[in-house]
Amino acid sequence: MPGTSVNEYGQPIYTETSASYQCRFFKKDKFRQSGVLISSDIPHLVVPLSVMLPSDVDIKKEDRISTTTEGYAGDYTVFDIIPIYGRAAIHHYVANIVKVEP
């Protein structure tokens, strides 16, 4: 997952960090968690791909996730993060992701 800091000119400096976590990929219920994408004046139903991550993961928008999981292999960019709370603390995160095209 890339991290960022800023140089003396205010430009981001990208760094690479890597960690392995168990996660679960899934598509959200298309009737409750979907959006509408308008492309070429034709509306399309969009069902984002999501990944469930443990609560000890340090993740931010625009981080990159790489996986070799069957059916999901490739690189993804995080565009939204939703913390899921248990009784007293964050239980896990759900990150909405989009595949990075080669």
PDB file of N, CA and C in Angstrom:
ATOM      1  N   MET A   1       0.849  -1.175   0.000  1.00  0.00           N
ATOM      2  CA  MET A   1       0.000   0.000   0.000  1.00  0.00           C
ATOM      3  C   MET A   1       0.895   1.239   0.000  1.00  0.00           C
ATOM      4  N   PRO A   2       0.651   2.158  -0.920  1.00  0.00           N
ATOM      5  CA  PRO A   2       1.513   3.339  -0.950  1.00  0.00           C
ATOM      6  C   PRO A   2       1.189   4.298   0.186  1.00  0.00           C
ATOM      7  N   GLY A   3       2.218   4.933   0.721  1.00  0.00           N
ATOM      8  CA  GLY A   3       2.050   5.979   1.716  1.00  0.00           C
ATOM      9  C   GLY A   3       2.548   7.271   1.109  1.00  0.00           C
ATOM     10  N   THR A   4       2.147   8.407   1.646  1.00  0.00           N
ATOM     11  CA  THR A   4       2.588   9.666   1.067  1.00  0.00           C
ATOM     12  C   THR A   4       3.105  10.603   2.139  1.00  0.00           C
ATOM     13  N   SER A   5       4.068  11.424   1.740  1.00  0.00           N
ATOM     14  CA  SER A   5       4.520  12.562   2.530  1.00  0.00           C
ATOM     15  C   SER A   5       4.714  13.684   1.522  1.00  0.00           C
ATOM     16  N   VAL A   6       5.109  14.850   1.970  1.00  0.00           N
ATOM     17  CA  VAL A   6       5.193  16.003   1.083  1.00  0.00           C
ATOM     18  C   VAL A   6       6.612  16.555   1.105  1.00  0.00           C
ATOM     19  N   ASN A   7       7.133  16.933  -0.082  1.00  0.00           N
ATOM     20  CA  ASN A   7       8.461  17.541  -0.145  1.00  0.00           C
ATOM     21  C   ASN A   7       8.375  19.038   0.132  1.00  0.00           C
ATOM     22  N   GLU A   8       9.511  19.754   0.042  1.00  0.00           N
ATOM     23  CA  GLU A   8       9.533  21.185   0.360  1.00  0.00           C
ATOM     24  C   GLU A   8       8.698  22.033  -0.593  1.00  0.00           C
ATOM     25  N   TYR A   9       8.295  21.469  -1.745  1.00  0.00           N
ATOM     26  CA  TYR A   9       7.456  22.198  -2.709  1.00  0.00           C
ATOM     27  C   TYR A   9       5.977  21.857  -2.584  1.00  0.00           C
ATOM     28  N   GLY A  10       5.656  21.031  -1.608  1.00  0.00           N
ATOM     29  CA  GLY A  10       4.260  20.653  -1.398  1.00  0.00           C
ATOM     30  C   GLY A  10       3.800  19.517  -2.286  1.00  0.00           C
ATOM     31  N   GLN A  11       4.710  18.884  -3.010  1.00  0.00           N
ATOM     32  CA  GLN A  11       4.352  17.776  -3.882  1.00  0.00           C
ATOM     33  C   GLN A  11       4.444  16.467  -3.107  1.00  0.00           C
ATOM     34  N   PRO A  12       3.530  15.527  -3.381  1.00  0.00           N
ATOM     35  CA  PRO A  12       3.569  14.263  -2.645  1.00  0.00           C
ATOM     36  C   PRO A  12       4.790  13.431  -3.000  1.00  0.00           C
ATOM     37  N   ILE A  13       5.332  12.766  -1.987  1.00  0.00           N
ATOM     38  CA  ILE A  13       6.415  11.804  -2.169  1.00  0.00           C
ATOM     39  C   ILE A  13       5.801  10.442  -1.856  1.00  0.00           C
ATOM     40  N   TYR A  14       5.796   9.566  -2.838  1.00  0.00           N
ATOM     41  CA  TYR A  14       5.183   8.257  -2.665  1.00  0.00           C
ATOM     42  C   TYR A  14       6.192   7.241  -2.178  1.00  0.00           C
ATOM     43  N   THR A  15       5.752   6.416  -1.250  1.00  0.00           N
ATOM     44  CA  THR A  15       6.586   5.330  -0.743  1.00  0.00           C
ATOM     45  C   THR A  15       5.782   4.042  -0.818  1.00  0.00           C
ATOM     46  N   GLU A  16       6.477   2.942  -0.893  1.00  0.00           N
ATOM     47  CA  GLU A  16       5.821   1.645  -0.943  1.00  0.00           C
ATOM     48  C   GLU A  16       5.946   0.968   0.414  1.00  0.00           C
ATOM     49  N   THR A  17       4.838   0.465   0.914  1.00  0.00           N
ATOM     50  CA  THR A  17       4.862  -0.389   2.087  1.00  0.00           C
ATOM     51  C   THR A  17       4.072  -1.632   1.718  1.00  0.00           C
ATOM     52  N   SER A  18       4.399  -2.723   2.325  1.00  0.00           N
ATOM     53  CA  SER A  18       3.746  -3.969   1.977  1.00  0.00           C
ATOM     54  C   SER A  18       3.454  -4.753   3.242  1.00  0.00           C
ATOM     55  N   ALA A  19       2.279  -5.355   3.296  1.00  0.00           N
ATOM     56  CA  ALA A  19       1.890  -6.199   4.413  1.00  0.00           C
ATOM     57  C   ALA A  19       0.878  -7.208   3.896  1.00  0.00           C
ATOM     58  N   SER A  20       0.822  -8.350   4.505  1.00  0.00           N
ATOM     59  CA  SER A  20      -0.122  -9.390   4.111  1.00  0.00           C
ATOM     60  C   SER A  20      -1.218  -9.505   5.167  1.00  0.00           C
ATOM     61  N   TYR A  21      -2.449  -9.496   4.714  1.00  0.00           N
ATOM     62  CA  TYR A  21      -3.602  -9.648   5.598  1.00  0.00           C
ATOM     63  C   TYR A  21      -4.579 -10.609   4.964  1.00  0.00           C
ATOM     64  N   GLN A  22      -5.306 -11.325   5.797  1.00  0.00           N
ATOM     65  CA  GLN A  22      -6.396 -12.123   5.272  1.00  0.00           C
ATOM     66  C   GLN A  22      -7.558 -11.174   5.004  1.00  0.00           C
ATOM     67  N   CYS A  23      -8.205 -11.356   3.873  1.00  0.00           N
ATOM     68  CA  CYS A  23      -9.317 -10.481   3.523  1.00  0.00           C
ATOM     69  C   CYS A  23     -10.352 -11.267   2.747  1.00  0.00           C
ATOM     70  N   ARG A  24     -11.492 -10.662   2.538  1.00  0.00           N
ATOM     71  CA  ARG A  24     -12.586 -11.307   1.819  1.00  0.00           C
ATOM     72  C   ARG A  24     -13.132 -10.334   0.786  1.00  0.00           C
ATOM     73  N   PHE A  25     -13.117 -10.725  -0.477  1.00  0.00           N
ATOM     74  CA  PHE A  25     -13.664  -9.906  -1.552  1.00  0.00           C
ATOM     75  C   PHE A  25     -15.132 -10.263  -1.749  1.00  0.00           C
ATOM     76  N   PHE A  26     -15.951  -9.241  -2.055  1.00  0.00           N
ATOM     77  CA  PHE A  26     -17.367  -9.482  -2.302  1.00  0.00           C
ATOM     78  C   PHE A  26     -17.978  -8.307  -3.039  1.00  0.00           C
ATOM     79  N   LYS A  27     -19.123  -8.569  -3.669  1.00  0.00           N
ATOM     80  CA  LYS A  27     -19.904  -7.492  -4.286  1.00  0.00           C
ATOM     81  C   LYS A  27     -21.078  -7.210  -3.371  1.00  0.00           C
ATOM     82  N   LYS A  28     -21.366  -5.925  -3.190  1.00  0.00           N
ATOM     83  CA  LYS A  28     -22.467  -5.556  -2.312  1.00  0.00           C
ATOM     84  C   LYS A  28     -23.806  -5.885  -2.956  1.00  0.00           C
ATOM     85  N   ASP A  29     -24.811  -5.982  -2.133  1.00  0.00           N
ATOM     86  CA  ASP A  29     -26.178  -6.225  -2.605  1.00  0.00           C
ATOM     87  C   ASP A  29     -26.550  -5.126  -3.589  1.00  0.00           C
ATOM     88  N   LYS A  30     -26.812  -5.490  -4.819  1.00  0.00           N
ATOM     89  CA  LYS A  30     -27.034  -4.498  -5.861  1.00  0.00           C
ATOM     90  C   LYS A  30     -28.272  -3.635  -5.647  1.00  0.00           C
ATOM     91  N   PHE A  31     -29.202  -4.074  -4.815  1.00  0.00           N
ATOM     92  CA  PHE A  31     -30.416  -3.284  -4.616  1.00  0.00           C
ATOM     93  C   PHE A  31     -30.303  -2.299  -3.458  1.00  0.00           C
ATOM     94  N   ARG A  32     -29.340  -2.532  -2.534  1.00  0.00           N
ATOM     95  CA  ARG A  32     -29.213  -1.638  -1.395  1.00  0.00           C
ATOM     96  C   ARG A  32     -27.991  -0.742  -1.456  1.00  0.00           C
ATOM     97  N   GLN A  33     -26.911  -1.176  -2.092  1.00  0.00           N
ATOM     98  CA  GLN A  33     -25.651  -0.455  -2.023  1.00  0.00           C
ATOM     99  C   GLN A  33     -25.136  -0.035  -3.403  1.00  0.00           C
ATOM    100  N   SER A  34     -26.001   0.172  -4.348  1.00  0.00           N
ATOM    101  CA  SER A  34     -25.539   0.488  -5.689  1.00  0.00           C
ATOM    102  C   SER A  34     -25.648   1.973  -5.974  1.00  0.00           C
ATOM    103  N   GLY A  35     -25.014   2.373  -7.034  1.00  0.00           N
ATOM    104  CA  GLY A  35     -25.100   3.738  -7.507  1.00  0.00           C
ATOM    105  C   GLY A  35     -25.462   3.701  -8.976  1.00  0.00           C
ATOM    106  N   VAL A  36     -25.663   4.837  -9.565  1.00  0.00           N
ATOM    107  CA  VAL A  36     -25.979   4.899 -10.984  1.00  0.00           C
ATOM    108  C   VAL A  36     -24.867   5.655 -11.678  1.00  0.00           C
ATOM    109  N   LEU A  37     -24.298   5.044 -12.691  1.00  0.00           N
ATOM    110  CA  LEU A  37     -23.253   5.657 -13.496  1.00  0.00           C
ATOM    111  C   LEU A  37     -23.865   6.028 -14.832  1.00  0.00           C
ATOM    112  N   ILE A  38     -23.691   7.274 -15.254  1.00  0.00           N
ATOM    113  CA  ILE A  38     -24.222   7.695 -16.545  1.00  0.00           C
ATOM    114  C   ILE A  38     -23.056   7.808 -17.510  1.00  0.00           C
ATOM    115  N   SER A  39     -23.071   6.961 -18.525  1.00  0.00           N
ATOM    116  CA  SER A  39     -22.022   6.926 -19.525  1.00  0.00           C
ATOM    117  C   SER A  39     -22.694   6.995 -20.888  1.00  0.00           C
ATOM    118  N   SER A  40     -22.284   7.927 -21.699  1.00  0.00           N
ATOM    119  CA  SER A  40     -22.880   8.111 -23.036  1.00  0.00           C
ATOM    120  C   SER A  40     -24.388   8.326 -22.930  1.00  0.00           C
ATOM    121  N   ASP A  41     -24.813   9.072 -21.910  1.00  0.00           N
ATOM    122  CA  ASP A  41     -26.224   9.400 -21.683  1.00  0.00           C
ATOM    123  C   ASP A  41     -27.107   8.188 -21.399  1.00  0.00           C
ATOM    124  N   ILE A  42     -26.507   7.044 -21.047  1.00  0.00           N
ATOM    125  CA  ILE A  42     -27.283   5.850 -20.710  1.00  0.00           C
ATOM    126  C   ILE A  42     -26.956   5.467 -19.271  1.00  0.00           C
ATOM    127  N   PRO A  43     -27.936   5.480 -18.367  1.00  0.00           N
ATOM    128  CA  PRO A  43     -27.645   5.112 -16.970  1.00  0.00           C
ATOM    129  C   PRO A  43     -27.381   3.610 -16.848  1.00  0.00           C
ATOM    130  N   HIS A  44     -26.398   3.250 -15.999  1.00  0.00           N
ATOM    131  CA  HIS A  44     -26.050   1.863 -15.721  1.00  0.00           C
ATOM    132  C   HIS A  44     -26.020   1.670 -14.213  1.00  0.00           C
ATOM    133  N   LEU A  45     -26.468   0.512 -13.781  1.00  0.00           N
ATOM    134  CA  LEU A  45     -26.376   0.167 -12.372  1.00  0.00           C
ATOM    135  C   LEU A  45     -24.941  -0.238 -12.059  1.00  0.00           C
ATOM    136  N   VAL A  46     -24.356   0.348 -11.022  1.00  0.00           N
ATOM    137  CA  VAL A  46     -22.982   0.052 -10.641  1.00  0.00           C
ATOM    138  C   VAL A  46     -22.987  -0.671  -9.298  1.00  0.00           C
ATOM    139  N   VAL A  47     -22.386  -1.843  -9.254  1.00  0.00           N
ATOM    140  CA  VAL A  47     -22.259  -2.595  -8.016  1.00  0.00           C
ATOM    141  C   VAL A  47     -20.767  -2.663  -7.689  1.00  0.00           C
ATOM    142  N   PRO A  48     -20.309  -1.885  -6.700  1.00  0.00           N
ATOM    143  CA  PRO A  48     -18.867  -1.846  -6.433  1.00  0.00           C
ATOM    144  C   PRO A  48     -18.350  -3.157  -5.860  1.00  0.00           C
ATOM    145  N   LEU A  49     -17.100  -3.443  -6.175  1.00  0.00           N
ATOM    146  CA  LEU A  49     -16.408  -4.564  -5.567  1.00  0.00           C
ATOM    147  C   LEU A  49     -15.865  -4.067  -4.235  1.00  0.00           C
ATOM    148  N   SER A  50     -15.966  -4.901  -3.230  1.00  0.00           N
ATOM    149  CA  SER A  50     -15.510  -4.521  -1.893  1.00  0.00           C
ATOM    150  C   SER A  50     -14.607  -5.598  -1.336  1.00  0.00           C
ATOM    151  N   VAL A  51     -13.825  -5.200  -0.332  1.00  0.00           N
ATOM    152  CA  VAL A  51     -12.978  -6.141   0.378  1.00  0.00           C
ATOM    153  C   VAL A  51     -13.128  -5.875   1.874  1.00  0.00           C
ATOM    154  N   MET A  52     -13.261  -6.959   2.642  1.00  0.00           N
ATOM    155  CA  MET A  52     -13.376  -6.862   4.093  1.00  0.00           C
ATOM    156  C   MET A  52     -11.986  -7.073   4.682  1.00  0.00           C
ATOM    157  N   LEU A  53     -11.554  -6.134   5.522  1.00  0.00           N
ATOM    158  CA  LEU A  53     -10.214  -6.162   6.101  1.00  0.00           C
ATOM    159  C   LEU A  53     -10.281  -6.119   7.621  1.00  0.00           C
ATOM    160  N   PRO A  54      -9.323  -6.731   8.311  1.00  0.00           N
ATOM    161  CA  PRO A  54      -9.332  -6.701   9.777  1.00  0.00           C
ATOM    162  C   PRO A  54      -9.125  -5.296  10.330  1.00  0.00           C
ATOM    163  N   SER A  55      -9.503  -5.113  11.573  1.00  0.00           N
ATOM    164  CA  SER A  55      -9.470  -3.785  12.192  1.00  0.00           C
ATOM    165  C   SER A  55      -8.053  -3.247  12.406  1.00  0.00           C
ATOM    166  N   ASP A  56      -7.041  -4.100  12.397  1.00  0.00           N
ATOM    167  CA  ASP A  56      -5.678  -3.616  12.622  1.00  0.00           C
ATOM    168  C   ASP A  56      -4.975  -3.165  11.343  1.00  0.00           C
ATOM    169  N   VAL A  57      -5.690  -3.132  10.229  1.00  0.00           N
ATOM    170  CA  VAL A  57      -5.119  -2.674   8.958  1.00  0.00           C
ATOM    171  C   VAL A  57      -5.130  -1.151   8.919  1.00  0.00           C
ATOM    172  N   ASP A  58      -4.014  -0.561   8.511  1.00  0.00           N
ATOM    173  CA  ASP A  58      -3.924   0.887   8.323  1.00  0.00           C
ATOM    174  C   ASP A  58      -4.159   1.153   6.836  1.00  0.00           C
ATOM    175  N   ILE A  59      -5.365   1.570   6.478  1.00  0.00           N
ATOM    176  CA  ILE A  59      -5.721   1.753   5.072  1.00  0.00           C
ATOM    177  C   ILE A  59      -6.332   3.130   4.856  1.00  0.00           C
ATOM    178  N   LYS A  60      -6.043   3.711   3.689  1.00  0.00           N
ATOM    179  CA  LYS A  60      -6.550   5.033   3.338  1.00  0.00           C
ATOM    180  C   LYS A  60      -7.073   5.009   1.905  1.00  0.00           C
ATOM    181  N   LYS A  61      -7.862   6.020   1.572  1.00  0.00           N
ATOM    182  CA  LYS A  61      -8.300   6.172   0.192  1.00  0.00           C
ATOM    183  C   LYS A  61      -7.072   6.301  -0.697  1.00  0.00           C
ATOM    184  N   GLU A  62      -7.167   5.761  -1.878  1.00  0.00           N
ATOM    185  CA  GLU A  62      -6.124   5.756  -2.905  1.00  0.00           C
ATOM    186  C   GLU A  62      -4.999   4.767  -2.617  1.00  0.00           C
ATOM    187  N   ASP A  63      -5.069   4.010  -1.513  1.00  0.00           N
ATOM    188  CA  ASP A  63      -4.108   2.933  -1.303  1.00  0.00           C
ATOM    189  C   ASP A  63      -4.353   1.858  -2.358  1.00  0.00           C
ATOM    190  N   ARG A  64      -3.323   1.083  -2.639  1.00  0.00           N
ATOM    191  CA  ARG A  64      -3.432   0.023  -3.632  1.00  0.00           C
ATOM    192  C   ARG A  64      -3.387  -1.328  -2.930  1.00  0.00           C
ATOM    193  N   ILE A  65      -4.284  -2.223  -3.353  1.00  0.00           N
ATOM    194  CA  ILE A  65      -4.355  -3.583  -2.823  1.00  0.00           C
ATOM    195  C   ILE A  65      -4.032  -4.533  -3.970  1.00  0.00           C
ATOM    196  N   SER A  66      -3.114  -5.467  -3.718  1.00  0.00           N
ATOM    197  CA  SER A  66      -2.772  -6.493  -4.699  1.00  0.00           C
ATOM    198  C   SER A  66      -3.188  -7.841  -4.139  1.00  0.00           C
ATOM    199  N   THR A  67      -3.744  -8.702  -5.001  1.00  0.00           N
ATOM    200  CA  THR A  67      -4.182 -10.010  -4.550  1.00  0.00           C
ATOM    201  C   THR A  67      -3.963 -11.061  -5.629  1.00  0.00           C
ATOM    202  N   THR A  68      -3.818 -12.295  -5.176  1.00  0.00           N
ATOM    203  CA  THR A  68      -3.763 -13.432  -6.084  1.00  0.00           C
ATOM    204  C   THR A  68      -4.969 -14.340  -5.856  1.00  0.00           C
ATOM    205  N   THR A  69      -5.952 -13.858  -5.095  1.00  0.00           N
ATOM    206  CA  THR A  69      -7.154 -14.629  -4.809  1.00  0.00           C
ATOM    207  C   THR A  69      -7.865 -14.992  -6.106  1.00  0.00           C
ATOM    208  N   GLU A  70      -8.210 -16.263  -6.245  1.00  0.00           N
ATOM    209  CA  GLU A  70      -8.862 -16.735  -7.461  1.00  0.00           C
ATOM    210  C   GLU A  70     -10.152 -15.951  -7.741  1.00  0.00           C
ATOM    211  N   GLY A  71     -10.283 -15.500  -8.950  1.00  0.00           N
ATOM    212  CA  GLY A  71     -11.448 -14.718  -9.357  1.00  0.00           C
ATOM    213  C   GLY A  71     -11.295 -13.219  -9.143  1.00  0.00           C
ATOM    214  N   TYR A  72     -10.290 -12.814  -8.355  1.00  0.00           N
ATOM    215  CA  TYR A  72     -10.066 -11.397  -8.048  1.00  0.00           C
ATOM    216  C   TYR A  72      -8.623 -10.972  -8.280  1.00  0.00           C
ATOM    217  N   ALA A  73      -7.790 -11.842  -8.824  1.00  0.00           N
ATOM    218  CA  ALA A  73      -6.361 -11.559  -8.962  1.00  0.00           C
ATOM    219  C   ALA A  73      -6.121 -10.244  -9.690  1.00  0.00           C
ATOM    220  N   GLY A  74      -5.203  -9.440  -9.154  1.00  0.00           N
ATOM    221  CA  GLY A  74      -4.851  -8.177  -9.769  1.00  0.00           C
ATOM    222  C   GLY A  74      -4.613  -7.086  -8.743  1.00  0.00           C
ATOM    223  N   ASP A  75      -4.550  -5.865  -9.241  1.00  0.00           N
ATOM    224  CA  ASP A  75      -4.329  -4.686  -8.400  1.00  0.00           C
ATOM    225  C   ASP A  75      -5.593  -3.837  -8.366  1.00  0.00           C
ATOM    226  N   TYR A  76      -5.871  -3.287  -7.187  1.00  0.00           N
ATOM    227  CA  TYR A  76      -7.071  -2.474  -6.981  1.00  0.00           C
ATOM    228  C   TYR A  76      -6.698  -1.194  -6.239  1.00  0.00           C
ATOM    229  N   THR A  77      -7.475  -0.145  -6.465  1.00  0.00           N
ATOM    230  CA  THR A  77      -7.317   1.113  -5.742  1.00  0.00           C
ATOM    231  C   THR A  77      -8.530   1.310  -4.839  1.00  0.00           C
ATOM    232  N   VAL A  78      -8.284   1.727  -3.594  1.00  0.00           N
ATOM    233  CA  VAL A  78      -9.354   1.974  -2.626  1.00  0.00           C
ATOM    234  C   VAL A  78      -9.963   3.352  -2.894  1.00  0.00           C
ATOM    235  N   PHE A  79     -11.307   3.429  -3.026  1.00  0.00           N
ATOM    236  CA  PHE A  79     -11.936   4.730  -3.202  1.00  0.00           C
ATOM    237  C   PHE A  79     -12.903   5.081  -2.076  1.00  0.00           C
ATOM    238  N   ASP A  80     -13.166   4.152  -1.177  1.00  0.00           N
ATOM    239  CA  ASP A  80     -14.036   4.447  -0.039  1.00  0.00           C
ATOM    240  C   ASP A  80     -13.759   3.426   1.055  1.00  0.00           C
ATOM    241  N   ILE A  81     -13.776   3.861   2.314  1.00  0.00           N
ATOM    242  CA  ILE A  81     -13.530   2.974   3.451  1.00  0.00           C
ATOM    243  C   ILE A  81     -14.642   3.162   4.469  1.00  0.00           C
ATOM    244  N   ILE A  82     -15.215   2.052   4.892  1.00  0.00           N
ATOM    245  CA  ILE A  82     -16.311   2.092   5.861  1.00  0.00           C
ATOM    246  C   ILE A  82     -15.903   1.275   7.087  1.00  0.00           C
ATOM    247  N   PRO A  83     -15.742   1.921   8.250  1.00  0.00           N
ATOM    248  CA  PRO A  83     -15.451   1.147   9.460  1.00  0.00           C
ATOM    249  C   PRO A  83     -16.726   0.465   9.953  1.00  0.00           C
ATOM    250  N   ILE A  84     -16.622  -0.794  10.321  1.00  0.00           N
ATOM    251  CA  ILE A  84     -17.760  -1.548  10.868  1.00  0.00           C
ATOM    252  C   ILE A  84     -17.476  -1.759  12.353  1.00  0.00           C
ATOM    253  N   TYR A  85     -18.360  -1.245  13.184  1.00  0.00           N
ATOM    254  CA  TYR A  85     -18.139  -1.262  14.634  1.00  0.00           C
ATOM    255  C   TYR A  85     -18.757  -2.480  15.294  1.00  0.00           C
ATOM    256  N   GLY A  86     -18.038  -2.998  16.288  1.00  0.00           N
ATOM    257  CA  GLY A  86     -18.558  -4.029  17.172  1.00  0.00           C
ATOM    258  C   GLY A  86     -19.147  -3.330  18.385  1.00  0.00           C
ATOM    259  N   ARG A  87     -19.184  -4.000  19.518  1.00  0.00           N
ATOM    260  CA  ARG A  87     -19.759  -3.390  20.720  1.00  0.00           C
ATOM    261  C   ARG A  87     -18.963  -2.212  21.238  1.00  0.00           C
ATOM    262  N   ALA A  88     -17.631  -2.296  21.199  1.00  0.00           N
ATOM    263  CA  ALA A  88     -16.820  -1.243  21.816  1.00  0.00           C
ATOM    264  C   ALA A  88     -15.790  -0.616  20.888  1.00  0.00           C
ATOM    265  N   ALA A  89     -15.550  -1.216  19.756  1.00  0.00           N
ATOM    266  CA  ALA A  89     -14.479  -0.715  18.883  1.00  0.00           C
ATOM    267  C   ALA A  89     -14.754  -1.137  17.444  1.00  0.00           C
ATOM    268  N   ILE A  90     -13.863  -0.743  16.558  1.00  0.00           N
ATOM    269  CA  ILE A  90     -13.991  -1.146  15.160  1.00  0.00           C
ATOM    270  C   ILE A  90     -13.720  -2.650  15.064  1.00  0.00           C
ATOM    271  N   HIS A  91     -14.644  -3.368  14.453  1.00  0.00           N
ATOM    272  CA  HIS A  91     -14.514  -4.808  14.276  1.00  0.00           C
ATOM    273  C   HIS A  91     -13.733  -5.138  13.002  1.00  0.00           C
ATOM    274  N   HIS A  92     -14.055  -4.431  11.899  1.00  0.00           N
ATOM    275  CA  HIS A  92     -13.352  -4.601  10.633  1.00  0.00           C
ATOM    276  C   HIS A  92     -13.663  -3.415   9.726  1.00  0.00           C
ATOM    277  N   TYR A  93     -13.025  -3.379   8.573  1.00  0.00           N
ATOM    278  CA  TYR A  93     -13.274  -2.334   7.576  1.00  0.00           C
ATOM    279  C   TYR A  93     -13.823  -2.978   6.313  1.00  0.00           C
ATOM    280  N   VAL A  94     -14.671  -2.240   5.627  1.00  0.00           N
ATOM    281  CA  VAL A  94     -15.095  -2.611   4.285  1.00  0.00           C
ATOM    282  C   VAL A  94     -14.561  -1.508   3.373  1.00  0.00           C
ATOM    283  N   ALA A  95     -13.721  -1.896   2.427  1.00  0.00           N
ATOM    284  CA  ALA A  95     -13.145  -0.947   1.485  1.00  0.00           C
ATOM    285  C   ALA A  95     -13.742  -1.199   0.109  1.00  0.00           C
ATOM    286  N   ASN A  96     -14.303  -0.153  -0.497  1.00  0.00           N
ATOM    287  CA  ASN A  96     -14.778  -0.251  -1.870  1.00  0.00           C
ATOM    288  C   ASN A  96     -13.587  -0.014  -2.768  1.00  0.00           C
ATOM    289  N   ILE A  97     -13.434  -0.863  -3.770  1.00  0.00           N
ATOM    290  CA  ILE A  97     -12.233  -0.835  -4.597  1.00  0.00           C
ATOM    291  C   ILE A  97     -12.584  -0.862  -6.080  1.00  0.00           C
ATOM    292  N   VAL A  98     -11.642  -0.412  -6.890  1.00  0.00           N
ATOM    293  CA  VAL A  98     -11.783  -0.453  -8.343  1.00  0.00           C
ATOM    294  C   VAL A  98     -10.499  -1.046  -8.908  1.00  0.00           C
ATOM    295  N   LYS A  99     -10.647  -1.916  -9.910  1.00  0.00           N
ATOM    296  CA  LYS A  99      -9.492  -2.585 -10.496  1.00  0.00           C
ATOM    297  C   LYS A  99      -8.632  -1.598 -11.258  1.00  0.00           C
ATOM    298  N   VAL A 100      -7.327  -1.704 -11.090  1.00  0.00           N
ATOM    299  CA  VAL A 100      -6.370  -0.862 -11.815  1.00  0.00           C
ATOM    300  C   VAL A 100      -6.105  -1.549 -13.149  1.00  0.00           C
ATOM    301  N   GLU A 101      -6.355  -0.840 -14.218  1.00  0.00           N
ATOM    302  CA  GLU A 101      -6.115  -1.392 -15.549  1.00  0.00           C
ATOM    303  C   GLU A 101      -4.636  -1.322 -15.877  1.00  0.00           C
ATOM    304  N   PRO A 102      -4.095  -2.412 -16.452  1.00  0.00           N
ATOM    305  CA  PRO A 102      -2.657  -2.423 -16.778  1.00  0.00           C
ATOM    306  C   PRO A 102      -2.285  -1.436 -17.852  1.00  0.00           C
TER     307      PRO A 102
END
